[in-house]
């Protein structure tokens, strides 16, 4: 074998091995598992900026084939609806634009009735005990969905006029539960601000960050429920960094991310 042929063989063999490695890596990250880094503070106190979580990708395929659904209390990787605030980002240096993923917690799933009342999460009429949050921070007393009633009808939704809602909020408005008749009647005399509720349609989930301080999380309270197709997987555990420094010293940081007990107690929708 001539040297030229030998070098060509080495080049093809290297290219083949690299190609096989890339194909295997693609298959693993698409169908088995991948890892995602946490950016920002929207999931504190549960997750910290810079931590990496393990995401079992096969669960996403089970959901898409109807063999599983995302459970209340699970932490998921999700894309906000197109057109929502910060739903498009620019890649550093290169500058091309893409739709980023957020990391949030599923608080309600298809068929559930959901509202946030003065900072308290209410699902299917049940005030959810979120002690994993409230033991560490005091949630800002915001409400969702905020309604404005006038002339016997809903004229405002989340600070927007109903006739000029942004596209990403229109599905949320379509899920609005009927407003009590006595409130609509009273609004014929004067405008009324009140808190409504959404009944989630099939394939829609309501997600929130654990950081419930003012401006702490941009989630379904801002961009509305998200479709199943925009959820890329569940954060199952934190694997990096393996140790973390605390006020009392260093501690093991590898941990699972179980569903908090309060979400397990939510009754099923009637």
C-alpha atoms as a PDB file:
ATOM      1  CA  UNK A   1       0.000   0.000   0.000  1.00  0.00           C
ATOM      2  CA  UNK A   2       1.382   3.361  -1.004  1.00  0.00           C
ATOM      3  CA  UNK A   3       1.739   6.119   1.560  1.00  0.00           C
ATOM      4  CA  UNK A   4      -0.930   8.163  -0.222  1.00  0.00           C
ATOM      5  CA  UNK A   5      -3.410   5.277  -0.045  1.00  0.00           C
ATOM      6  CA  UNK A   6      -2.527   4.665   3.586  1.00  0.00           C
ATOM      7  CA  UNK A   7      -3.139   8.322   4.486  1.00  0.00           C
ATOM      8  CA  UNK A   8      -6.414   8.237   2.588  1.00  0.00           C
ATOM      9  CA  UNK A   9      -7.411   5.134   4.539  1.00  0.00           C
ATOM     10  CA  UNK A  10      -6.547   6.831   7.829  1.00  0.00           C
ATOM     11  CA  UNK A  11      -8.554   9.892   6.821  1.00  0.00           C
ATOM     12  CA  UNK A  12     -11.633   7.854   5.854  1.00  0.00           C
ATOM     13  CA  UNK A  13     -11.331   5.702   8.975  1.00  0.00           C
ATOM     14  CA  UNK A  14     -11.101   8.806  11.185  1.00  0.00           C
ATOM     15  CA  UNK A  15     -14.044  10.397   9.388  1.00  0.00           C
ATOM     16  CA  UNK A  16     -16.093   7.212   9.783  1.00  0.00           C
ATOM     17  CA  UNK A  17     -15.359   6.984  13.513  1.00  0.00           C
ATOM     18  CA  UNK A  18     -16.189  10.641  14.067  1.00  0.00           C
ATOM     19  CA  UNK A  19     -19.416  10.225  12.105  1.00  0.00           C
ATOM     20  CA  UNK A  20     -20.400   7.161  14.129  1.00  0.00           C
ATOM     21  CA  UNK A  21     -19.630   8.987  17.380  1.00  0.00           C
ATOM     22  CA  UNK A  22     -21.735  11.972  16.339  1.00  0.00           C
ATOM     23  CA  UNK A  23     -24.589   9.713  15.276  1.00  0.00           C
ATOM     24  CA  UNK A  24     -24.510   7.858  18.590  1.00  0.00           C
ATOM     25  CA  UNK A  25     -24.361  11.147  20.511  1.00  0.00           C
ATOM     26  CA  UNK A  26     -27.334  12.467  18.516  1.00  0.00           C
ATOM     27  CA  UNK A  27     -29.332   9.307  19.190  1.00  0.00           C
ATOM     28  CA  UNK A  28     -28.546   9.381  22.911  1.00  0.00           C
ATOM     29  CA  UNK A  29     -29.422  13.065  23.387  1.00  0.00           C
ATOM     30  CA  UNK A  30     -32.579  12.697  21.274  1.00  0.00           C
ATOM     31  CA  UNK A  31     -33.984   9.454  22.669  1.00  0.00           C
ATOM     32  CA  UNK A  32     -32.214   8.604  25.946  1.00  0.00           C
ATOM     33  CA  UNK A  33     -31.047  11.579  27.988  1.00  0.00           C
ATOM     34  CA  UNK A  34     -29.469  15.003  27.779  1.00  0.00           C
ATOM     35  CA  UNK A  35     -28.337  17.683  30.215  1.00  0.00           C
ATOM     36  CA  UNK A  36     -29.471  21.279  30.506  1.00  0.00           C
ATOM     37  CA  UNK A  37     -27.839  24.181  32.329  1.00  0.00           C
ATOM     38  CA  UNK A  38     -29.948  26.459  34.516  1.00  0.00           C
ATOM     39  CA  UNK A  39     -29.641  30.124  33.562  1.00  0.00           C
ATOM     40  CA  UNK A  40     -31.042  32.772  35.870  1.00  0.00           C
ATOM     41  CA  UNK A  41     -32.928  32.723  39.150  1.00  0.00           C
ATOM     42  CA  UNK A  42     -36.475  31.818  38.088  1.00  0.00           C
ATOM     43  CA  UNK A  43     -36.384  28.423  39.819  1.00  0.00           C
ATOM     44  CA  UNK A  44     -34.768  29.476  43.090  1.00  0.00           C
ATOM     45  CA  UNK A  45     -34.841  28.285  45.823  1.00  0.00           C
ATOM     46  CA  UNK A  46     -35.112  24.844  44.141  1.00  0.00           C
ATOM     47  CA  UNK A  47     -32.472  25.308  41.418  1.00  0.00           C
ATOM     48  CA  UNK A  48     -29.549  27.688  41.330  1.00  0.00           C
ATOM     49  CA  UNK A  49     -28.027  29.569  38.417  1.00  0.00           C
ATOM     50  CA  UNK A  50     -25.306  27.471  36.745  1.00  0.00           C
ATOM     51  CA  UNK A  51     -26.501  24.062  37.937  1.00  0.00           C
ATOM     52  CA  UNK A  52     -26.955  21.307  35.372  1.00  0.00           C
ATOM     53  CA  UNK A  53     -29.917  18.939  35.358  1.00  0.00           C
ATOM     54  CA  UNK A  54     -30.367  15.512  33.799  1.00  0.00           C
ATOM     55  CA  UNK A  55     -33.309  15.220  31.374  1.00  0.00           C
ATOM     56  CA  UNK A  56     -34.566  11.706  30.395  1.00  0.00           C
ATOM     57  CA  UNK A  57     -35.529  12.298  26.770  1.00  0.00           C
ATOM     58  CA  UNK A  58     -37.466   9.044  26.357  1.00  0.00           C
ATOM     59  CA  UNK A  59     -40.186  10.497  28.612  1.00  0.00           C
ATOM     60  CA  UNK A  60     -40.889  13.200  26.044  1.00  0.00           C
ATOM     61  CA  UNK A  61     -41.507  10.549  23.396  1.00  0.00           C
ATOM     62  CA  UNK A  62     -43.807   8.628  25.743  1.00  0.00           C
ATOM     63  CA  UNK A  63     -45.826  11.822  26.211  1.00  0.00           C
ATOM     64  CA  UNK A  64     -46.001  12.521  22.489  1.00  0.00           C
ATOM     65  CA  UNK A  65     -47.201   8.979  21.788  1.00  0.00           C
ATOM     66  CA  UNK A  66     -49.888   9.325  24.467  1.00  0.00           C
ATOM     67  CA  UNK A  67     -48.302   6.803  26.851  1.00  0.00           C
ATOM     68  CA  UNK A  68     -47.601   9.339  29.594  1.00  0.00           C
ATOM     69  CA  UNK A  69     -48.401  12.921  30.531  1.00  0.00           C
ATOM     70  CA  UNK A  70     -46.446  15.498  32.476  1.00  0.00           C
ATOM     71  CA  UNK A  71     -47.437  15.449  36.131  1.00  0.00           C
ATOM     72  CA  UNK A  72     -48.217  18.364  38.386  1.00  0.00           C
ATOM     73  CA  UNK A  73     -45.133  19.372  40.321  1.00  0.00           C
ATOM     74  CA  UNK A  74     -42.596  18.096  37.797  1.00  0.00           C
ATOM     75  CA  UNK A  75     -39.892  20.484  36.610  1.00  0.00           C
ATOM     76  CA  UNK A  76     -39.786  20.676  32.822  1.00  0.00           C
ATOM     77  CA  UNK A  77     -37.804  22.232  29.996  1.00  0.00           C
ATOM     78  CA  UNK A  78     -40.220  24.351  27.980  1.00  0.00           C
ATOM     79  CA  UNK A  79     -40.354  26.847  25.124  1.00  0.00           C
ATOM     80  CA  UNK A  80     -42.689  29.819  25.641  1.00  0.00           C
ATOM     81  CA  UNK A  81     -45.266  30.447  22.890  1.00  0.00           C
ATOM     82  CA  UNK A  82     -44.030  32.203  19.755  1.00  0.00           C
ATOM     83  CA  UNK A  83     -44.304  35.968  20.053  1.00  0.00           C
ATOM     84  CA  UNK A  84     -44.238  35.997  23.858  1.00  0.00           C
ATOM     85  CA  UNK A  85     -41.746  38.267  25.672  1.00  0.00           C
ATOM     86  CA  UNK A  86     -38.211  36.841  25.475  1.00  0.00           C
ATOM     87  CA  UNK A  87     -39.400  33.934  23.308  1.00  0.00           C
ATOM     88  CA  UNK A  88     -36.546  34.752  20.892  1.00  0.00           C
ATOM     89  CA  UNK A  89     -32.897  35.246  21.863  1.00  0.00           C
ATOM     90  CA  UNK A  90     -29.691  36.071  19.990  1.00  0.00           C
ATOM     91  CA  UNK A  91     -26.806  33.596  20.092  1.00  0.00           C
ATOM     92  CA  UNK A  92     -23.690  35.179  21.685  1.00  0.00           C
ATOM     93  CA  UNK A  93     -21.084  36.495  19.204  1.00  0.00           C
ATOM     94  CA  UNK A  94     -22.629  34.796  16.165  1.00  0.00           C
ATOM     95  CA  UNK A  95     -25.828  36.792  16.577  1.00  0.00           C
ATOM     96  CA  UNK A  96     -28.304  34.399  14.943  1.00  0.00           C
ATOM     97  CA  UNK A  97     -31.712  34.256  16.609  1.00  0.00           C
ATOM     98  CA  UNK A  98     -33.321  31.183  18.150  1.00  0.00           C
ATOM     99  CA  UNK A  99     -36.160  30.218  20.502  1.00  0.00           C
ATOM    100  CA  UNK A 100     -34.662  29.463  23.928  1.00  0.00           C
ATOM    101  CA  UNK A 101     -35.901  26.924  26.445  1.00  0.00           C
ATOM    102  CA  UNK A 102     -37.015  27.935  29.939  1.00  0.00           C
ATOM    103  CA  UNK A 103     -37.042  25.700  32.992  1.00  0.00           C
ATOM    104  CA  UNK A 104     -40.289  25.785  34.982  1.00  0.00           C
ATOM    105  CA  UNK A 105     -42.565  23.650  37.142  1.00  0.00           C
ATOM    106  CA  UNK A 106     -45.815  22.134  35.866  1.00  0.00           C
ATOM    107  CA  UNK A 107     -48.543  23.341  38.238  1.00  0.00           C
ATOM    108  CA  UNK A 108     -51.620  22.286  36.255  1.00  0.00           C
ATOM    109  CA  UNK A 109     -52.262  19.876  33.414  1.00  0.00           C
ATOM    110  CA  UNK A 110     -55.000  19.391  30.766  1.00  0.00           C
ATOM    111  CA  UNK A 111     -58.495  19.473  32.265  1.00  0.00           C
ATOM    112  CA  UNK A 112     -57.422  21.312  35.426  1.00  0.00           C
ATOM    113  CA  UNK A 113     -58.890  24.628  36.539  1.00  0.00           C
ATOM    114  CA  UNK A 114     -56.129  27.047  37.532  1.00  0.00           C
ATOM    115  CA  UNK A 115     -55.801  30.512  39.032  1.00  0.00           C
ATOM    116  CA  UNK A 116     -53.360  32.442  41.209  1.00  0.00           C
ATOM    117  CA  UNK A 117     -55.055  34.414  43.955  1.00  0.00           C
ATOM    118  CA  UNK A 118     -52.984  36.949  45.896  1.00  0.00           C
ATOM    119  CA  UNK A 119     -49.858  34.849  45.364  1.00  0.00           C
ATOM    120  CA  UNK A 120     -51.535  31.542  46.239  1.00  0.00           C
ATOM    121  CA  UNK A 121     -51.848  28.798  43.641  1.00  0.00           C
ATOM    122  CA  UNK A 122     -55.352  27.317  43.323  1.00  0.00           C
ATOM    123  CA  UNK A 123     -55.856  24.165  41.214  1.00  0.00           C
ATOM    124  CA  UNK A 124     -59.274  22.521  40.902  1.00  0.00           C
ATOM    125  CA  UNK A 125     -60.468  24.675  43.782  1.00  0.00           C
ATOM    126  CA  UNK A 126     -57.640  23.460  46.044  1.00  0.00           C
ATOM    127  CA  UNK A 127     -55.158  25.896  47.586  1.00  0.00           C
ATOM    128  CA  UNK A 128     -51.854  24.154  46.883  1.00  0.00           C
ATOM    129  CA  UNK A 129     -49.420  23.903  49.795  1.00  0.00           C
ATOM    130  CA  UNK A 130     -46.153  25.016  48.211  1.00  0.00           C
ATOM    131  CA  UNK A 131     -44.010  24.853  51.321  1.00  0.00           C
ATOM    132  CA  UNK A 132     -40.935  24.102  49.189  1.00  0.00           C
ATOM    133  CA  UNK A 133     -41.285  27.773  48.210  1.00  0.00           C
ATOM    134  CA  UNK A 134     -43.081  29.478  51.081  1.00  0.00           C
ATOM    135  CA  UNK A 135     -40.724  28.068  53.733  1.00  0.00           C
ATOM    136  CA  UNK A 136     -37.909  30.031  52.077  1.00  0.00           C
ATOM    137  CA  UNK A 137     -39.408  33.072  50.356  1.00  0.00           C
ATOM    138  CA  UNK A 138     -42.564  35.169  50.595  1.00  0.00           C
ATOM    139  CA  UNK A 139     -44.390  35.077  47.241  1.00  0.00           C
ATOM    140  CA  UNK A 140     -45.434  38.385  45.721  1.00  0.00           C
ATOM    141  CA  UNK A 141     -49.240  38.684  46.054  1.00  0.00           C
ATOM    142  CA  UNK A 142     -50.039  38.813  42.344  1.00  0.00           C
ATOM    143  CA  UNK A 143     -53.118  37.253  40.734  1.00  0.00           C
ATOM    144  CA  UNK A 144     -53.903  35.470  37.468  1.00  0.00           C
ATOM    145  CA  UNK A 145     -55.907  35.880  35.334  1.00  0.00           C
ATOM    146  CA  UNK A 146     -56.770  39.506  36.097  1.00  0.00           C
ATOM    147  CA  UNK A 147     -60.067  40.555  34.531  1.00  0.00           C
ATOM    148  CA  UNK A 148     -61.733  43.885  33.926  1.00  0.00           C
ATOM    149  CA  UNK A 149     -65.520  43.803  33.668  1.00  0.00           C
ATOM    150  CA  UNK A 150     -67.678  46.570  32.199  1.00  0.00           C
ATOM    151  CA  UNK A 151     -71.136  46.779  30.651  1.00  0.00           C
ATOM    152  CA  UNK A 152     -71.889  43.194  31.609  1.00  0.00           C
ATOM    153  CA  UNK A 153     -68.907  41.593  29.874  1.00  0.00           C
ATOM    154  CA  UNK A 154     -65.165  40.974  30.116  1.00  0.00           C
ATOM    155  CA  UNK A 155     -63.358  43.891  28.475  1.00  0.00           C
ATOM    156  CA  UNK A 156     -59.851  43.396  29.889  1.00  0.00           C
ATOM    157  CA  UNK A 157     -57.577  40.372  30.351  1.00  0.00           C
ATOM    158  CA  UNK A 158     -54.177  40.549  32.046  1.00  0.00           C
ATOM    159  CA  UNK A 159     -53.929  44.284  31.503  1.00  0.00           C
ATOM    160  CA  UNK A 160     -54.848  44.097  27.803  1.00  0.00           C
ATOM    161  CA  UNK A 161     -58.117  45.017  26.168  1.00  0.00           C
ATOM    162  CA  UNK A 162     -59.826  41.856  24.976  1.00  0.00           C
ATOM    163  CA  UNK A 163     -60.079  43.218  21.426  1.00  0.00           C
ATOM    164  CA  UNK A 164     -56.307  43.783  21.279  1.00  0.00           C
ATOM    165  CA  UNK A 165     -54.878  40.713  23.011  1.00  0.00           C
ATOM    166  CA  UNK A 166     -51.460  39.572  21.722  1.00  0.00           C
ATOM    167  CA  UNK A 167     -51.679  36.276  19.841  1.00  0.00           C
ATOM    168  CA  UNK A 168     -49.820  34.317  22.501  1.00  0.00           C
ATOM    169  CA  UNK A 169     -52.495  35.175  25.109  1.00  0.00           C
ATOM    170  CA  UNK A 170     -55.528  34.378  22.959  1.00  0.00           C
ATOM    171  CA  UNK A 171     -55.522  30.641  23.836  1.00  0.00           C
ATOM    172  CA  UNK A 172     -55.529  31.564  27.542  1.00  0.00           C
ATOM    173  CA  UNK A 173     -58.502  33.880  27.056  1.00  0.00           C
ATOM    174  CA  UNK A 174     -60.360  31.124  25.199  1.00  0.00           C
ATOM    175  CA  UNK A 175     -59.917  28.890  28.290  1.00  0.00           C
ATOM    176  CA  UNK A 176     -61.423  31.474  30.643  1.00  0.00           C
ATOM    177  CA  UNK A 177     -64.085  30.020  32.931  1.00  0.00           C
ATOM    178  CA  UNK A 178     -67.489  31.770  32.871  1.00  0.00           C
ATOM    179  CA  UNK A 179     -67.585  34.845  35.100  1.00  0.00           C
ATOM    180  CA  UNK A 180     -70.310  34.753  37.800  1.00  0.00           C
ATOM    181  CA  UNK A 181     -73.499  36.410  36.584  1.00  0.00           C
ATOM    182  CA  UNK A 182     -73.780  38.665  39.648  1.00  0.00           C
ATOM    183  CA  UNK A 183     -70.404  40.246  38.829  1.00  0.00           C
ATOM    184  CA  UNK A 184     -71.350  40.793  35.195  1.00  0.00           C
ATOM    185  CA  UNK A 185     -74.614  42.388  36.273  1.00  0.00           C
ATOM    186  CA  UNK A 186     -72.830  44.662  38.765  1.00  0.00           C
ATOM    187  CA  UNK A 187     -70.376  45.747  36.054  1.00  0.00           C
ATOM    188  CA  UNK A 188     -73.238  47.435  34.184  1.00  0.00           C
ATOM    189  CA  UNK A 189     -73.120  50.159  36.843  1.00  0.00           C
ATOM    190  CA  UNK A 190     -69.343  50.404  37.342  1.00  0.00           C
ATOM    191  CA  UNK A 191     -66.185  48.662  36.147  1.00  0.00           C
ATOM    192  CA  UNK A 192     -65.013  45.756  38.271  1.00  0.00           C
ATOM    193  CA  UNK A 193     -61.546  44.249  38.617  1.00  0.00           C
ATOM    194  CA  UNK A 194     -61.596  40.592  39.618  1.00  0.00           C
ATOM    195  CA  UNK A 195     -59.655  37.320  39.341  1.00  0.00           C
ATOM    196  CA  UNK A 196     -60.924  34.640  36.983  1.00  0.00           C
ATOM    197  CA  UNK A 197     -59.819  31.068  36.333  1.00  0.00           C
ATOM    198  CA  UNK A 198     -58.735  29.004  33.316  1.00  0.00           C
ATOM    199  CA  UNK A 199     -59.839  25.483  32.478  1.00  0.00           C
ATOM    200  CA  UNK A 200     -56.958  23.999  30.517  1.00  0.00           C
ATOM    201  CA  UNK A 201     -57.772  22.514  27.139  1.00  0.00           C
ATOM    202  CA  UNK A 202     -56.291  19.177  25.987  1.00  0.00           C
ATOM    203  CA  UNK A 203     -52.540  19.391  25.302  1.00  0.00           C
ATOM    204  CA  UNK A 204     -52.068  22.534  27.403  1.00  0.00           C
ATOM    205  CA  UNK A 205     -50.048  22.845  30.631  1.00  0.00           C
ATOM    206  CA  UNK A 206     -49.671  25.738  33.049  1.00  0.00           C
ATOM    207  CA  UNK A 207     -46.071  26.265  34.198  1.00  0.00           C
ATOM    208  CA  UNK A 208     -44.570  28.548  36.847  1.00  0.00           C
ATOM    209  CA  UNK A 209     -41.135  29.241  38.259  1.00  0.00           C
ATOM    210  CA  UNK A 210     -40.488  28.665  41.960  1.00  0.00           C
ATOM    211  CA  UNK A 211     -39.126  32.191  42.372  1.00  0.00           C
ATOM    212  CA  UNK A 212     -42.408  33.915  43.183  1.00  0.00           C
ATOM    213  CA  UNK A 213     -40.872  37.238  44.134  1.00  0.00           C
ATOM    214  CA  UNK A 214     -41.851  40.293  42.077  1.00  0.00           C
ATOM    215  CA  UNK A 215     -40.379  39.762  38.606  1.00  0.00           C
ATOM    216  CA  UNK A 216     -38.758  36.514  39.744  1.00  0.00           C
ATOM    217  CA  UNK A 217     -40.115  34.306  36.970  1.00  0.00           C
ATOM    218  CA  UNK A 218     -41.496  34.800  33.483  1.00  0.00           C
ATOM    219  CA  UNK A 219     -43.955  31.948  33.072  1.00  0.00           C
ATOM    220  CA  UNK A 220     -47.564  31.092  32.204  1.00  0.00           C
ATOM    221  CA  UNK A 221     -48.723  34.082  34.221  1.00  0.00           C
ATOM    222  CA  UNK A 222     -47.075  36.162  31.472  1.00  0.00           C
ATOM    223  CA  UNK A 223     -47.358  34.053  28.297  1.00  0.00           C
ATOM    224  CA  UNK A 224     -50.252  31.725  29.121  1.00  0.00           C
ATOM    225  CA  UNK A 225     -50.426  27.913  29.077  1.00  0.00           C
ATOM    226  CA  UNK A 226     -47.956  26.001  26.886  1.00  0.00           C
ATOM    227  CA  UNK A 227     -48.665  23.195  24.460  1.00  0.00           C
ATOM    228  CA  UNK A 228     -47.353  19.667  24.964  1.00  0.00           C
ATOM    229  CA  UNK A 229     -45.193  19.983  21.845  1.00  0.00           C
ATOM    230  CA  UNK A 230     -43.265  22.839  23.483  1.00  0.00           C
ATOM    231  CA  UNK A 231     -42.186  20.752  26.481  1.00  0.00           C
ATOM    232  CA  UNK A 232     -38.867  19.038  25.764  1.00  0.00           C
ATOM    233  CA  UNK A 233     -38.520  16.915  28.897  1.00  0.00           C
ATOM    234  CA  UNK A 234     -38.423  16.646  32.669  1.00  0.00           C
ATOM    235  CA  UNK A 235     -35.539  17.691  34.895  1.00  0.00           C
ATOM    236  CA  UNK A 236     -35.001  14.527  36.936  1.00  0.00           C
ATOM    237  CA  UNK A 237     -31.935  15.388  38.991  1.00  0.00           C
ATOM    238  CA  UNK A 238     -29.125  17.884  39.546  1.00  0.00           C
ATOM    239  CA  UNK A 239     -25.763  16.353  38.693  1.00  0.00           C
ATOM    240  CA  UNK A 240     -23.454  19.385  38.455  1.00  0.00           C
ATOM    241  CA  UNK A 241     -21.694  20.807  40.342  1.00  0.00           C
ATOM    242  CA  UNK A 242     -21.316  17.675  42.507  1.00  0.00           C
ATOM    243  CA  UNK A 243     -20.587  19.781  45.606  1.00  0.00           C
ATOM    244  CA  UNK A 244     -21.702  23.290  46.559  1.00  0.00           C
ATOM    245  CA  UNK A 245     -20.585  25.799  49.158  1.00  0.00           C
ATOM    246  CA  UNK A 246     -23.086  26.957  51.763  1.00  0.00           C
ATOM    247  CA  UNK A 247     -22.914  29.250  54.795  1.00  0.00           C
ATOM    248  CA  UNK A 248     -22.081  26.234  56.959  1.00  0.00           C
ATOM    249  CA  UNK A 249     -19.499  24.720  54.589  1.00  0.00           C
ATOM    250  CA  UNK A 250     -19.458  22.376  51.605  1.00  0.00           C
ATOM    251  CA  UNK A 251     -22.270  19.907  50.905  1.00  0.00           C
ATOM    252  CA  UNK A 252     -23.063  17.200  48.356  1.00  0.00           C
ATOM    253  CA  UNK A 253     -25.060  18.853  45.597  1.00  0.00           C
ATOM    254  CA  UNK A 254     -26.127  15.831  43.519  1.00  0.00           C
ATOM    255  CA  UNK A 255     -29.845  15.354  44.186  1.00  0.00           C
ATOM    256  CA  UNK A 256     -33.092  14.182  42.657  1.00  0.00           C
ATOM    257  CA  UNK A 257     -35.987  16.552  41.972  1.00  0.00           C
ATOM    258  CA  UNK A 258     -39.102  14.801  43.307  1.00  0.00           C
ATOM    259  CA  UNK A 259     -42.641  16.149  43.082  1.00  0.00           C
ATOM    260  CA  UNK A 260     -43.410  18.183  46.238  1.00  0.00           C
ATOM    261  CA  UNK A 261     -46.111  16.642  48.422  1.00  0.00           C
ATOM    262  CA  UNK A 262     -48.490  19.582  47.998  1.00  0.00           C
ATOM    263  CA  UNK A 263     -48.961  18.799  44.311  1.00  0.00           C
ATOM    264  CA  UNK A 264     -49.776  15.171  45.056  1.00  0.00           C
ATOM    265  CA  UNK A 265     -52.761  16.301  47.121  1.00  0.00           C
ATOM    266  CA  UNK A 266     -54.454  18.246  44.323  1.00  0.00           C
ATOM    267  CA  UNK A 267     -57.841  16.670  43.547  1.00  0.00           C
ATOM    268  CA  UNK A 268     -58.640  15.573  40.033  1.00  0.00           C
ATOM    269  CA  UNK A 269     -60.946  17.861  38.037  1.00  0.00           C
ATOM    270  CA  UNK A 270     -64.660  17.119  38.259  1.00  0.00           C
END
